[in-house]
Amino acid sequence: MPLQHSKSPAAFKSNVRTLMHEVGESPHVQSPKQALAIAYETQRRAGKKHARGGRARKEDVFEKKERENSPRGYRGYLITPSIHGHHVSKDGYHITTQPSLEEAQKQVDMLTESKGGEVGKAQADAKVLAEQTEAAAALAAHRRTELLSTAQAQQAESQTLRDTAARLHAEAKTLRDGLKAEKDALDAAKQEAEAQKEVLRDKIKRLTEAIARGG
């Protein structure tokens, strides 16, 4: 995160852009508010530097106090000193206020460890849920395969029944056709017998008449 250590407005704007890109990516820049605070602090410190080759000026009591009261990042949180204590915040939201820097850092440690435990539990719960989902998917796939096999068997059985019905229908038709043919043949034979009987009766009649005339 290279910053321009200059008091010029252009350097300040460049530093703001650089720090805004680092929000959430760098452990030292957790919010846009913190990014602006760092940019202002860099500009302020640049303005107090001596010309190259000059003698470094010793930090006075006011500057030391101001430095101690500047916001500082700690484990992803921002600790801001004030007359009421040390405010702990994250992403622009106030969390707690502690009487000293050490107490504020302890509170951040507790929050971080607690959050780590919650993350671990959430990961474990997610793993169990994934395993349950995978088992349910496997069971559903097995059930789907069973249903498909049953449906295919029922379809095959239905096709067999349809084929059997069609065969029986064809056999019944053949039997009906055969019976009709036999009936037609019997009717024809009966008609022929009646005709022959009529011929015989006629012959007997003529023969009887001829005998009567001859006698």
N, C-alpha and C. Protein backbone atom coordinates (compact mmCIF):
# COMPACT_ATOMS: atom_id res chain seq x y z
N MET A 1 0.84 -1.19 0.00
CA MET A 1 0.00 0.00 0.00
C MET A 1 0.88 1.25 0.00
N PRO A 2 1.59 1.56 -1.11
CA PRO A 2 2.48 2.73 -1.15
C PRO A 2 1.69 4.03 -1.15
N LEU A 3 2.04 4.95 -0.25
CA LEU A 3 1.37 6.23 -0.15
C LEU A 3 2.34 7.35 -0.47
N GLN A 4 1.79 8.47 -0.96
CA GLN A 4 2.61 9.65 -1.26
C GLN A 4 2.68 10.52 0.00
N HIS A 5 3.88 10.67 0.51
CA HIS A 5 4.09 11.47 1.73
C HIS A 5 4.31 12.93 1.35
N SER A 6 3.22 13.57 0.97
CA SER A 6 3.24 14.96 0.53
C SER A 6 2.00 15.64 1.05
N LYS A 7 2.09 16.97 1.22
CA LYS A 7 0.96 17.73 1.74
C LYS A 7 0.07 18.27 0.62
N SER A 8 0.44 18.01 -0.65
CA SER A 8 -0.30 18.57 -1.77
C SER A 8 -1.68 17.90 -1.89
N PRO A 9 -2.67 18.66 -2.42
CA PRO A 9 -4.02 18.08 -2.63
C PRO A 9 -3.99 16.87 -3.57
N ALA A 10 -3.13 16.93 -4.59
CA ALA A 10 -3.04 15.81 -5.53
C ALA A 10 -2.58 14.54 -4.83
N ALA A 11 -1.58 14.68 -3.95
CA ALA A 11 -1.09 13.51 -3.20
C ALA A 11 -2.18 12.99 -2.28
N PHE A 12 -2.92 13.92 -1.66
CA PHE A 12 -4.00 13.50 -0.76
C PHE A 12 -5.07 12.70 -1.52
N LYS A 13 -5.46 13.21 -2.70
CA LYS A 13 -6.46 12.50 -3.51
C LYS A 13 -5.96 11.13 -3.94
N SER A 14 -4.68 11.08 -4.35
CA SER A 14 -4.09 9.80 -4.75
C SER A 14 -4.07 8.81 -3.60
N ASN A 15 -3.72 9.31 -2.41
CA ASN A 15 -3.70 8.43 -1.24
C ASN A 15 -5.10 7.92 -0.89
N VAL A 16 -6.11 8.80 -1.03
CA VAL A 16 -7.49 8.39 -0.75
C VAL A 16 -7.91 7.28 -1.71
N ARG A 17 -7.58 7.46 -3.01
CA ARG A 17 -7.95 6.42 -3.98
C ARG A 17 -7.27 5.10 -3.64
N THR A 18 -5.97 5.18 -3.31
CA THR A 18 -5.23 3.95 -2.97
C THR A 18 -5.82 3.27 -1.75
N LEU A 19 -6.12 4.06 -0.73
CA LEU A 19 -6.64 3.48 0.52
C LEU A 19 -8.06 2.93 0.33
N MET A 20 -8.88 3.58 -0.49
CA MET A 20 -10.23 3.08 -0.74
C MET A 20 -10.20 1.71 -1.41
N HIS A 21 -9.19 1.51 -2.28
CA HIS A 21 -9.04 0.19 -2.92
C HIS A 21 -8.61 -0.88 -1.92
N GLU A 22 -8.01 -0.44 -0.80
CA GLU A 22 -7.51 -1.39 0.20
C GLU A 22 -8.56 -1.73 1.26
N VAL A 23 -9.73 -1.05 1.21
CA VAL A 23 -10.77 -1.30 2.21
C VAL A 23 -11.21 -2.77 2.13
N GLY A 24 -11.13 -3.46 3.24
CA GLY A 24 -11.52 -4.87 3.29
C GLY A 24 -10.46 -5.83 2.80
N GLU A 25 -9.46 -5.32 2.07
CA GLU A 25 -8.38 -6.16 1.56
C GLU A 25 -7.19 -6.15 2.51
N SER A 26 -6.93 -5.01 3.10
CA SER A 26 -5.79 -4.87 4.02
C SER A 26 -6.30 -4.90 5.46
N PRO A 27 -5.57 -5.56 6.36
CA PRO A 27 -6.00 -5.57 7.77
C PRO A 27 -5.91 -4.20 8.43
N HIS A 28 -5.20 -3.27 7.79
CA HIS A 28 -5.05 -1.93 8.35
C HIS A 28 -6.14 -0.97 7.89
N VAL A 29 -6.89 -1.35 6.85
CA VAL A 29 -7.93 -0.48 6.32
C VAL A 29 -9.23 -1.29 6.27
N GLN A 30 -10.10 -1.07 7.25
CA GLN A 30 -11.30 -1.88 7.36
C GLN A 30 -12.57 -1.14 6.95
N SER A 31 -12.50 0.16 6.72
CA SER A 31 -13.69 0.91 6.35
C SER A 31 -13.27 2.19 5.61
N PRO A 32 -14.18 2.77 4.81
CA PRO A 32 -13.87 4.05 4.16
C PRO A 32 -13.54 5.15 5.15
N LYS A 33 -14.16 5.14 6.31
CA LYS A 33 -13.88 6.15 7.34
C LYS A 33 -12.44 6.04 7.80
N GLN A 34 -11.97 4.80 7.99
CA GLN A 34 -10.59 4.59 8.41
C GLN A 34 -9.61 4.98 7.30
N ALA A 35 -10.01 4.73 6.03
CA ALA A 35 -9.15 5.11 4.91
C ALA A 35 -8.93 6.63 4.87
N LEU A 36 -10.02 7.39 5.07
CA LEU A 36 -9.88 8.86 5.11
C LEU A 36 -9.02 9.31 6.28
N ALA A 37 -9.18 8.65 7.43
CA ALA A 37 -8.38 9.03 8.59
C ALA A 37 -6.90 8.81 8.33
N ILE A 38 -6.55 7.72 7.67
CA ILE A 38 -5.14 7.45 7.36
C ILE A 38 -4.61 8.45 6.35
N ALA A 39 -5.46 8.81 5.34
CA ALA A 39 -5.03 9.78 4.34
C ALA A 39 -4.76 11.14 4.97
N TYR A 40 -5.66 11.57 5.88
CA TYR A 40 -5.46 12.86 6.57
C TYR A 40 -4.21 12.81 7.46
N GLU A 41 -3.99 11.69 8.13
CA GLU A 41 -2.83 11.56 9.01
C GLU A 41 -1.53 11.60 8.20
N THR A 42 -1.54 10.94 7.01
CA THR A 42 -0.35 10.97 6.15
C THR A 42 -0.06 12.38 5.67
N GLN A 43 -1.12 13.12 5.28
CA GLN A 43 -0.93 14.51 4.83
C GLN A 43 -0.43 15.39 5.98
N ARG A 44 -0.97 15.19 7.17
CA ARG A 44 -0.56 16.00 8.32
C ARG A 44 0.90 15.78 8.68
N ARG A 45 1.31 14.51 8.67
CA ARG A 45 2.69 14.21 9.01
C ARG A 45 3.66 14.71 7.93
N ALA A 46 3.22 14.65 6.65
CA ALA A 46 4.09 15.12 5.57
C ALA A 46 4.35 16.61 5.70
N GLY A 47 3.37 17.35 6.18
CA GLY A 47 3.53 18.79 6.31
C GLY A 47 4.51 19.17 7.41
N LYS A 48 4.84 18.28 8.33
CA LYS A 48 5.74 18.58 9.43
C LYS A 48 7.17 18.12 9.19
N LYS A 49 7.41 17.56 7.98
CA LYS A 49 8.78 17.12 7.68
C LYS A 49 9.66 18.32 7.32
N HIS A 50 10.91 18.25 7.67
CA HIS A 50 11.85 19.31 7.32
C HIS A 50 12.40 19.09 5.92
N ALA A 51 12.94 20.14 5.36
CA ALA A 51 13.57 20.03 4.05
C ALA A 51 14.72 19.04 4.12
N ARG A 52 15.01 18.43 2.95
CA ARG A 52 16.07 17.43 2.89
C ARG A 52 17.40 18.05 3.36
N GLY A 53 18.09 17.36 4.21
CA GLY A 53 19.35 17.86 4.73
C GLY A 53 19.18 18.62 6.02
N GLY A 54 17.91 18.95 6.38
CA GLY A 54 17.65 19.69 7.60
C GLY A 54 17.76 18.79 8.82
N ARG A 55 17.65 19.35 9.92
CA ARG A 55 17.78 18.62 11.17
C ARG A 55 16.39 18.21 11.67
N ALA A 56 16.25 16.96 12.05
CA ALA A 56 14.96 16.45 12.52
C ALA A 56 14.58 17.14 13.81
N ARG A 57 13.33 17.61 13.85
CA ARG A 57 12.84 18.30 15.03
C ARG A 57 12.27 17.28 16.01
N LYS A 58 12.56 17.43 17.25
CA LYS A 58 12.08 16.51 18.26
C LYS A 58 10.58 16.71 18.46
N GLU A 59 9.87 15.60 18.57
CA GLU A 59 8.43 15.63 18.74
C GLU A 59 8.08 16.29 20.07
N ASP A 60 7.19 17.31 20.01
CA ASP A 60 6.83 17.98 21.25
C ASP A 60 5.68 17.23 21.95
N VAL A 61 5.31 17.74 23.11
CA VAL A 61 4.30 17.06 23.92
C VAL A 61 2.95 17.03 23.21
N PHE A 62 2.59 18.13 22.54
CA PHE A 62 1.31 18.19 21.85
C PHE A 62 1.24 17.17 20.73
N GLU A 63 2.31 17.08 19.92
CA GLU A 63 2.35 16.13 18.82
C GLU A 63 2.30 14.69 19.33
N LYS A 64 2.99 14.43 20.43
CA LYS A 64 2.98 13.09 21.01
C LYS A 64 1.56 12.74 21.48
N LYS A 65 0.92 13.70 22.10
CA LYS A 65 -0.44 13.48 22.57
C LYS A 65 -1.39 13.26 21.40
N GLU A 66 -1.19 14.04 20.33
CA GLU A 66 -2.04 13.91 19.15
C GLU A 66 -1.84 12.55 18.48
N ARG A 67 -0.57 12.09 18.45
CA ARG A 67 -0.28 10.78 17.85
C ARG A 67 -0.92 9.67 18.68
N GLU A 68 -0.85 9.81 19.99
CA GLU A 68 -1.45 8.78 20.85
C GLU A 68 -2.97 8.76 20.72
N ASN A 69 -3.55 9.93 20.39
CA ASN A 69 -5.00 10.01 20.29
C ASN A 69 -5.52 9.76 18.87
N SER A 70 -4.64 9.36 17.95
CA SER A 70 -5.05 9.08 16.58
C SER A 70 -5.68 7.69 16.51
N PRO A 71 -6.66 7.49 15.61
CA PRO A 71 -7.27 6.17 15.45
C PRO A 71 -6.22 5.15 15.00
N ARG A 72 -6.36 3.92 15.44
CA ARG A 72 -5.43 2.87 15.05
C ARG A 72 -6.20 1.58 14.77
N GLY A 73 -5.70 0.84 13.80
CA GLY A 73 -6.33 -0.43 13.46
C GLY A 73 -5.75 -1.56 14.29
N TYR A 74 -6.61 -2.49 14.70
CA TYR A 74 -6.16 -3.64 15.48
C TYR A 74 -7.03 -4.84 15.13
N ARG A 75 -6.42 -5.84 14.45
CA ARG A 75 -7.08 -7.10 14.11
C ARG A 75 -8.40 -6.87 13.38
N GLY A 76 -8.38 -5.92 12.42
CA GLY A 76 -9.56 -5.66 11.63
C GLY A 76 -10.54 -4.68 12.26
N TYR A 77 -10.27 -4.20 13.46
CA TYR A 77 -11.14 -3.24 14.14
C TYR A 77 -10.42 -1.89 14.23
N LEU A 78 -11.20 -0.82 14.44
CA LEU A 78 -10.65 0.52 14.58
C LEU A 78 -10.83 0.96 16.03
N ILE A 79 -9.72 1.33 16.68
CA ILE A 79 -9.75 1.82 18.06
C ILE A 79 -9.48 3.32 18.04
N THR A 80 -10.47 4.09 18.49
CA THR A 80 -10.38 5.55 18.43
C THR A 80 -10.40 6.12 19.85
N PRO A 81 -9.29 6.75 20.29
CA PRO A 81 -9.26 7.35 21.64
C PRO A 81 -10.16 8.59 21.70
N SER A 82 -10.74 8.85 22.87
CA SER A 82 -11.53 10.05 23.10
C SER A 82 -11.50 10.37 24.59
N ILE A 83 -12.15 11.46 24.98
CA ILE A 83 -12.15 11.84 26.39
C ILE A 83 -12.98 10.86 27.24
N HIS A 84 -13.82 10.06 26.55
CA HIS A 84 -14.65 9.10 27.26
C HIS A 84 -14.02 7.71 27.32
N GLY A 85 -12.91 7.52 26.65
CA GLY A 85 -12.26 6.21 26.62
C GLY A 85 -11.83 5.85 25.22
N HIS A 86 -11.69 4.57 24.95
CA HIS A 86 -11.27 4.09 23.64
C HIS A 86 -12.44 3.37 22.98
N HIS A 87 -12.92 3.98 21.87
CA HIS A 87 -14.06 3.42 21.16
C HIS A 87 -13.58 2.32 20.20
N VAL A 88 -14.27 1.20 20.22
CA VAL A 88 -13.98 0.10 19.29
C VAL A 88 -15.10 0.06 18.26
N SER A 89 -14.72 0.10 16.97
CA SER A 89 -15.72 0.07 15.90
C SER A 89 -15.22 -0.81 14.76
N LYS A 90 -16.17 -1.16 13.89
CA LYS A 90 -15.83 -1.98 12.72
C LYS A 90 -16.78 -1.60 11.60
N ASP A 91 -16.20 -1.27 10.44
CA ASP A 91 -16.98 -0.88 9.26
C ASP A 91 -17.92 0.29 9.56
N GLY A 92 -17.45 1.22 10.41
CA GLY A 92 -18.23 2.41 10.72
C GLY A 92 -19.26 2.23 11.81
N TYR A 93 -19.37 1.05 12.41
CA TYR A 93 -20.36 0.80 13.46
C TYR A 93 -19.66 0.69 14.81
N HIS A 94 -20.17 1.45 15.80
CA HIS A 94 -19.59 1.44 17.14
C HIS A 94 -19.98 0.14 17.85
N ILE A 95 -19.01 -0.49 18.51
CA ILE A 95 -19.23 -1.76 19.18
C ILE A 95 -19.17 -1.61 20.70
N THR A 96 -18.11 -0.99 21.19
CA THR A 96 -17.96 -0.85 22.64
C THR A 96 -16.98 0.29 22.94
N THR A 97 -16.97 0.72 24.20
CA THR A 97 -16.02 1.73 24.67
C THR A 97 -15.34 1.20 25.93
N GLN A 98 -13.99 1.23 25.92
CA GLN A 98 -13.21 0.72 27.03
C GLN A 98 -12.37 1.85 27.63
N PRO A 99 -12.02 1.75 28.92
CA PRO A 99 -11.30 2.86 29.57
C PRO A 99 -9.86 3.03 29.09
N SER A 100 -9.23 1.98 28.55
CA SER A 100 -7.84 2.09 28.12
C SER A 100 -7.64 1.34 26.82
N LEU A 101 -6.47 1.61 26.20
CA LEU A 101 -6.14 0.94 24.96
C LEU A 101 -6.00 -0.56 25.17
N GLU A 102 -5.39 -0.94 26.30
CA GLU A 102 -5.20 -2.36 26.59
C GLU A 102 -6.54 -3.08 26.72
N GLU A 103 -7.49 -2.44 27.40
CA GLU A 103 -8.81 -3.05 27.56
C GLU A 103 -9.53 -3.14 26.22
N ALA A 104 -9.36 -2.11 25.39
CA ALA A 104 -9.99 -2.14 24.07
C ALA A 104 -9.42 -3.28 23.23
N GLN A 105 -8.08 -3.47 23.29
CA GLN A 105 -7.45 -4.56 22.54
C GLN A 105 -7.90 -5.93 23.06
N LYS A 106 -8.07 -6.06 24.38
CA LYS A 106 -8.57 -7.31 24.96
C LYS A 106 -9.99 -7.60 24.47
N GLN A 107 -10.80 -6.54 24.40
CA GLN A 107 -12.17 -6.72 23.92
C GLN A 107 -12.18 -7.18 22.46
N VAL A 108 -11.29 -6.59 21.66
CA VAL A 108 -11.17 -7.01 20.25
C VAL A 108 -10.73 -8.46 20.16
N ASP A 109 -9.77 -8.86 21.04
CA ASP A 109 -9.32 -10.26 21.05
C ASP A 109 -10.48 -11.19 21.36
N MET A 110 -11.31 -10.82 22.35
CA MET A 110 -12.46 -11.66 22.71
C MET A 110 -13.45 -11.75 21.56
N LEU A 111 -13.71 -10.60 20.90
CA LEU A 111 -14.64 -10.60 19.77
C LEU A 111 -14.12 -11.46 18.63
N THR A 112 -12.81 -11.37 18.36
CA THR A 112 -12.22 -12.13 17.26
C THR A 112 -12.27 -13.62 17.55
N GLU A 113 -11.93 -14.01 18.80
CA GLU A 113 -11.97 -15.43 19.15
C GLU A 113 -13.39 -15.96 19.12
N SER A 114 -14.34 -15.16 19.62
CA SER A 114 -15.75 -15.58 19.60
C SER A 114 -16.24 -15.75 18.18
N LYS A 115 -15.86 -14.80 17.31
CA LYS A 115 -16.28 -14.89 15.92
C LYS A 115 -15.64 -16.08 15.24
N GLY A 116 -14.37 -16.36 15.62
CA GLY A 116 -13.71 -17.54 15.05
C GLY A 116 -14.42 -18.81 15.43
N GLY A 117 -14.88 -18.89 16.72
CA GLY A 117 -15.65 -20.06 17.14
C GLY A 117 -16.96 -20.18 16.40
N GLU A 118 -17.63 -19.04 16.20
CA GLU A 118 -18.88 -19.06 15.45
C GLU A 118 -18.66 -19.49 14.01
N VAL A 119 -17.56 -19.03 13.42
CA VAL A 119 -17.24 -19.43 12.04
C VAL A 119 -16.98 -20.93 11.97
N GLY A 120 -16.22 -21.44 12.99
CA GLY A 120 -15.94 -22.88 13.00
C GLY A 120 -17.22 -23.70 13.12
N LYS A 121 -18.13 -23.23 14.01
CA LYS A 121 -19.40 -23.94 14.17
C LYS A 121 -20.23 -23.86 12.89
N ALA A 122 -20.23 -22.69 12.27
CA ALA A 122 -20.99 -22.54 11.01
C ALA A 122 -20.42 -23.45 9.93
N GLN A 123 -19.09 -23.57 9.87
CA GLN A 123 -18.47 -24.45 8.89
C GLN A 123 -18.83 -25.91 9.16
N ALA A 124 -18.82 -26.29 10.46
CA ALA A 124 -19.19 -27.67 10.81
C ALA A 124 -20.65 -27.94 10.44
N ASP A 125 -21.53 -26.96 10.77
CA ASP A 125 -22.95 -27.13 10.42
C ASP A 125 -23.12 -27.23 8.91
N ALA A 126 -22.37 -26.42 8.16
CA ALA A 126 -22.46 -26.46 6.70
C ALA A 126 -21.99 -27.81 6.16
N LYS A 127 -20.94 -28.37 6.80
CA LYS A 127 -20.45 -29.68 6.37
C LYS A 127 -21.50 -30.76 6.61
N VAL A 128 -22.14 -30.72 7.81
CA VAL A 128 -23.18 -31.70 8.11
C VAL A 128 -24.35 -31.55 7.13
N LEU A 129 -24.73 -30.30 6.86
CA LEU A 129 -25.82 -30.06 5.93
C LEU A 129 -25.48 -30.57 4.54
N ALA A 130 -24.22 -30.37 4.12
CA ALA A 130 -23.80 -30.86 2.80
C ALA A 130 -23.86 -32.38 2.75
N GLU A 131 -23.42 -33.03 3.84
CA GLU A 131 -23.47 -34.49 3.89
C GLU A 131 -24.92 -34.98 3.85
N GLN A 132 -25.79 -34.32 4.61
CA GLN A 132 -27.20 -34.71 4.60
C GLN A 132 -27.83 -34.49 3.22
N THR A 133 -27.46 -33.39 2.59
CA THR A 133 -27.98 -33.12 1.24
C THR A 133 -27.50 -34.16 0.26
N GLU A 134 -26.22 -34.54 0.37
CA GLU A 134 -25.67 -35.56 -0.53
C GLU A 134 -26.36 -36.91 -0.31
N ALA A 135 -26.60 -37.26 0.99
CA ALA A 135 -27.28 -38.53 1.28
C ALA A 135 -28.72 -38.51 0.74
N ALA A 136 -29.39 -37.37 0.91
CA ALA A 136 -30.77 -37.25 0.41
C ALA A 136 -30.80 -37.35 -1.12
N ALA A 137 -29.80 -36.75 -1.77
CA ALA A 137 -29.73 -36.83 -3.23
C ALA A 137 -29.49 -38.26 -3.69
N ALA A 138 -28.61 -38.99 -2.97
CA ALA A 138 -28.34 -40.38 -3.31
C ALA A 138 -29.59 -41.23 -3.12
N LEU A 139 -30.31 -41.00 -2.00
CA LEU A 139 -31.54 -41.74 -1.75
C LEU A 139 -32.59 -41.44 -2.82
N ALA A 140 -32.69 -40.17 -3.19
CA ALA A 140 -33.66 -39.79 -4.23
C ALA A 140 -33.30 -40.44 -5.56
N ALA A 141 -32.00 -40.48 -5.89
CA ALA A 141 -31.57 -41.11 -7.13
C ALA A 141 -31.90 -42.61 -7.11
N HIS A 142 -31.65 -43.26 -5.95
CA HIS A 142 -31.97 -44.70 -5.82
C HIS A 142 -33.46 -44.93 -5.96
N ARG A 143 -34.26 -44.08 -5.29
CA ARG A 143 -35.71 -44.22 -5.39
C ARG A 143 -36.19 -43.98 -6.81
N ARG A 144 -35.59 -43.01 -7.49
CA ARG A 144 -35.97 -42.72 -8.86
C ARG A 144 -35.66 -43.91 -9.77
N THR A 145 -34.49 -44.57 -9.52
CA THR A 145 -34.13 -45.75 -10.31
C THR A 145 -35.12 -46.88 -10.07
N GLU A 146 -35.52 -47.07 -8.78
CA GLU A 146 -36.50 -48.12 -8.48
C GLU A 146 -37.83 -47.84 -9.17
N LEU A 147 -38.29 -46.59 -9.11
CA LEU A 147 -39.56 -46.24 -9.74
C LEU A 147 -39.49 -46.42 -11.25
N LEU A 148 -38.34 -46.08 -11.84
CA LEU A 148 -38.17 -46.24 -13.28
C LEU A 148 -38.20 -47.72 -13.65
N SER A 149 -37.52 -48.55 -12.84
CA SER A 149 -37.53 -49.99 -13.11
C SER A 149 -38.94 -50.56 -12.99
N THR A 150 -39.67 -50.13 -11.95
CA THR A 150 -41.05 -50.59 -11.77
C THR A 150 -41.93 -50.16 -12.93
N ALA A 151 -41.77 -48.91 -13.35
CA ALA A 151 -42.56 -48.40 -14.47
C ALA A 151 -42.25 -49.17 -15.75
N GLN A 152 -40.96 -49.46 -15.98
CA GLN A 152 -40.59 -50.22 -17.17
C GLN A 152 -41.17 -51.63 -17.13
N ALA A 153 -41.14 -52.26 -15.92
CA ALA A 153 -41.71 -53.61 -15.79
C ALA A 153 -43.21 -53.58 -16.03
N GLN A 154 -43.90 -52.57 -15.47
CA GLN A 154 -45.34 -52.46 -15.69
C GLN A 154 -45.66 -52.19 -17.15
N GLN A 155 -44.81 -51.39 -17.81
CA GLN A 155 -45.02 -51.11 -19.23
C GLN A 155 -44.85 -52.39 -20.05
N ALA A 156 -43.81 -53.18 -19.71
CA ALA A 156 -43.59 -54.44 -20.42
C ALA A 156 -44.76 -55.40 -20.20
N GLU A 157 -45.26 -55.46 -18.94
CA GLU A 157 -46.40 -56.33 -18.64
C GLU A 157 -47.64 -55.88 -19.39
N SER A 158 -47.85 -54.55 -19.45
CA SER A 158 -48.99 -54.02 -20.19
C SER A 158 -48.90 -54.36 -21.67
N GLN A 159 -47.69 -54.28 -22.22
CA GLN A 159 -47.49 -54.62 -23.63
C GLN A 159 -47.77 -56.11 -23.87
N THR A 160 -47.35 -56.95 -22.90
CA THR A 160 -47.62 -58.39 -23.02
C THR A 160 -49.12 -58.65 -23.01
N LEU A 161 -49.84 -57.96 -22.10
CA LEU A 161 -51.29 -58.13 -22.04
C LEU A 161 -51.96 -57.66 -23.33
N ARG A 162 -51.47 -56.54 -23.88
CA ARG A 162 -52.03 -56.05 -25.14
C ARG A 162 -51.78 -57.05 -26.27
N ASP A 163 -50.56 -57.61 -26.31
CA ASP A 163 -50.24 -58.60 -27.34
C ASP A 163 -51.12 -59.84 -27.20
N THR A 164 -51.32 -60.29 -25.94
CA THR A 164 -52.16 -61.46 -25.70
C THR A 164 -53.60 -61.20 -26.13
N ALA A 165 -54.11 -60.01 -25.80
CA ALA A 165 -55.48 -59.65 -26.18
C ALA A 165 -55.62 -59.60 -27.70
N ALA A 166 -54.60 -59.04 -28.36
CA ALA A 166 -54.65 -58.98 -29.82
C ALA A 166 -54.64 -60.39 -30.43
N ARG A 167 -53.82 -61.28 -29.84
CA ARG A 167 -53.75 -62.66 -30.36
C ARG A 167 -55.08 -63.39 -30.15
N LEU A 168 -55.69 -63.22 -28.96
CA LEU A 168 -56.98 -63.86 -28.69
C LEU A 168 -58.07 -63.31 -29.61
N HIS A 169 -58.01 -62.00 -29.87
CA HIS A 169 -58.98 -61.40 -30.78
C HIS A 169 -58.84 -61.98 -32.18
N ALA A 170 -57.58 -62.16 -32.63
CA ALA A 170 -57.35 -62.74 -33.96
C ALA A 170 -57.84 -64.19 -34.01
N GLU A 171 -57.56 -64.94 -32.93
CA GLU A 171 -58.02 -66.34 -32.90
C GLU A 171 -59.54 -66.42 -32.90
N ALA A 172 -60.21 -65.53 -32.16
CA ALA A 172 -61.67 -65.52 -32.13
C ALA A 172 -62.23 -65.18 -33.51
N LYS A 173 -61.60 -64.25 -34.18
CA LYS A 173 -62.06 -63.88 -35.53
C LYS A 173 -61.91 -65.06 -36.48
N THR A 174 -60.75 -65.75 -36.36
CA THR A 174 -60.53 -66.93 -37.22
C THR A 174 -61.58 -68.00 -36.95
N LEU A 175 -61.90 -68.20 -35.65
CA LEU A 175 -62.91 -69.20 -35.29
C LEU A 175 -64.28 -68.80 -35.82
N ARG A 176 -64.65 -67.51 -35.70
CA ARG A 176 -65.93 -67.04 -36.22
C ARG A 176 -66.00 -67.23 -37.73
N ASP A 177 -64.90 -66.89 -38.40
CA ASP A 177 -64.87 -67.05 -39.85
C ASP A 177 -65.03 -68.53 -40.23
N GLY A 178 -64.35 -69.41 -39.46
CA GLY A 178 -64.46 -70.85 -39.76
C GLY A 178 -65.87 -71.38 -39.54
N LEU A 179 -66.50 -70.95 -38.43
CA LEU A 179 -67.86 -71.38 -38.15
C LEU A 179 -68.83 -70.88 -39.22
N LYS A 180 -68.64 -69.66 -39.67
CA LYS A 180 -69.51 -69.10 -40.71
C LYS A 180 -69.34 -69.88 -42.02
N ALA A 181 -68.07 -70.21 -42.32
CA ALA A 181 -67.83 -70.98 -43.55
C ALA A 181 -68.50 -72.35 -43.46
N GLU A 182 -68.39 -73.00 -42.28
CA GLU A 182 -69.03 -74.31 -42.11
C GLU A 182 -70.56 -74.20 -42.22
N LYS A 183 -71.12 -73.14 -41.62
CA LYS A 183 -72.57 -72.94 -41.69
C LYS A 183 -73.01 -72.72 -43.13
N ASP A 184 -72.22 -71.90 -43.86
CA ASP A 184 -72.56 -71.66 -45.28
C ASP A 184 -72.50 -72.97 -46.07
N ALA A 185 -71.49 -73.81 -45.76
CA ALA A 185 -71.37 -75.10 -46.47
C ALA A 185 -72.55 -76.01 -46.15
N LEU A 186 -72.98 -76.02 -44.86
CA LEU A 186 -74.12 -76.85 -44.46
C LEU A 186 -75.40 -76.35 -45.13
N ASP A 187 -75.55 -75.03 -45.19
CA ASP A 187 -76.74 -74.48 -45.85
C ASP A 187 -76.77 -74.86 -47.33
N ALA A 188 -75.60 -74.79 -47.97
CA ALA A 188 -75.54 -75.17 -49.39
C ALA A 188 -75.84 -76.65 -49.58
N ALA A 189 -75.30 -77.49 -48.68
CA ALA A 189 -75.56 -78.94 -48.79
C ALA A 189 -77.05 -79.23 -48.56
N LYS A 190 -77.67 -78.51 -47.62
CA LYS A 190 -79.08 -78.70 -47.34
C LYS A 190 -79.92 -78.33 -48.55
N GLN A 191 -79.58 -77.19 -49.17
CA GLN A 191 -80.31 -76.76 -50.36
C GLN A 191 -80.17 -77.79 -51.48
N GLU A 192 -78.95 -78.29 -51.64
CA GLU A 192 -78.71 -79.30 -52.69
C GLU A 192 -79.51 -80.59 -52.41
N ALA A 193 -79.57 -80.96 -51.10
CA ALA A 193 -80.34 -82.16 -50.74
C ALA A 193 -81.82 -81.96 -51.02
N GLU A 194 -82.36 -80.79 -50.73
CA GLU A 194 -83.76 -80.49 -50.99
C GLU A 194 -84.04 -80.54 -52.48
N ALA A 195 -83.06 -80.01 -53.24
CA ALA A 195 -83.25 -80.04 -54.70
C ALA A 195 -83.27 -81.49 -55.21
N GLN A 196 -82.34 -82.31 -54.72
CA GLN A 196 -82.31 -83.71 -55.14
C GLN A 196 -83.57 -84.45 -54.68
N LYS A 197 -84.05 -84.11 -53.49
CA LYS A 197 -85.28 -84.73 -52.99
C LYS A 197 -86.46 -84.38 -53.88
N GLU A 198 -86.51 -83.14 -54.32
CA GLU A 198 -87.60 -82.70 -55.21
C GLU A 198 -87.54 -83.43 -56.54
N VAL A 199 -86.30 -83.63 -57.04
CA VAL A 199 -86.13 -84.36 -58.31
C VAL A 199 -86.61 -85.80 -58.15
N LEU A 200 -86.24 -86.40 -57.03
CA LEU A 200 -86.65 -87.79 -56.78
C LEU A 200 -88.17 -87.90 -56.65
N ARG A 201 -88.79 -86.93 -55.98
CA ARG A 201 -90.24 -86.96 -55.86
C ARG A 201 -90.92 -86.84 -57.23
N ASP A 202 -90.33 -85.98 -58.06
CA ASP A 202 -90.89 -85.81 -59.40
C ASP A 202 -90.76 -87.10 -60.20
N LYS A 203 -89.60 -87.74 -60.08
CA LYS A 203 -89.38 -89.00 -60.81
C LYS A 203 -90.35 -90.08 -60.31
N ILE A 204 -90.52 -90.16 -59.02
CA ILE A 204 -91.45 -91.16 -58.46
C ILE A 204 -92.87 -90.89 -58.94
N LYS A 205 -93.23 -89.63 -59.01
CA LYS A 205 -94.58 -89.28 -59.45
C LYS A 205 -94.80 -89.69 -60.89
N ARG A 206 -93.81 -89.40 -61.74
CA ARG A 206 -93.95 -89.77 -63.15
C ARG A 206 -93.98 -91.28 -63.31
N LEU A 207 -93.13 -91.95 -62.54
CA LEU A 207 -93.09 -93.41 -62.63
C LEU A 207 -94.42 -94.01 -62.16
N THR A 208 -94.97 -93.47 -61.14
CA THR A 208 -96.27 -93.96 -60.66
C THR A 208 -97.36 -93.76 -61.69
N GLU A 209 -97.36 -92.59 -62.33
CA GLU A 209 -98.36 -92.30 -63.36
C GLU A 209 -98.21 -93.25 -64.55
N ALA A 210 -96.95 -93.53 -64.90
CA ALA A 210 -96.73 -94.42 -66.04
C ALA A 210 -97.18 -95.83 -65.73
N ILE A 211 -96.98 -96.30 -64.56
CA ILE A 211 -97.43 -97.64 -64.16
C ILE A 211 -98.94 -97.71 -64.16
N ALA A 212 -99.53 -96.62 -63.69
CA ALA A 212 -101.00 -96.62 -63.65
C ALA A 212 -101.58 -96.68 -65.06
N ARG A 213 -101.01 -95.98 -66.01
CA ARG A 213 -101.52 -96.00 -67.36
C ARG A 213 -101.29 -97.36 -68.00
N GLY A 214 -100.18 -97.99 -67.68
CA GLY A 214 -99.88 -99.30 -68.26
C GLY A 214 -100.75 -100.40 -67.69
N GLY A 215 -101.22 -100.29 -66.56
CA GLY A 215 -102.03 -101.31 -65.91
C GLY A 215 -103.44 -101.23 -66.39
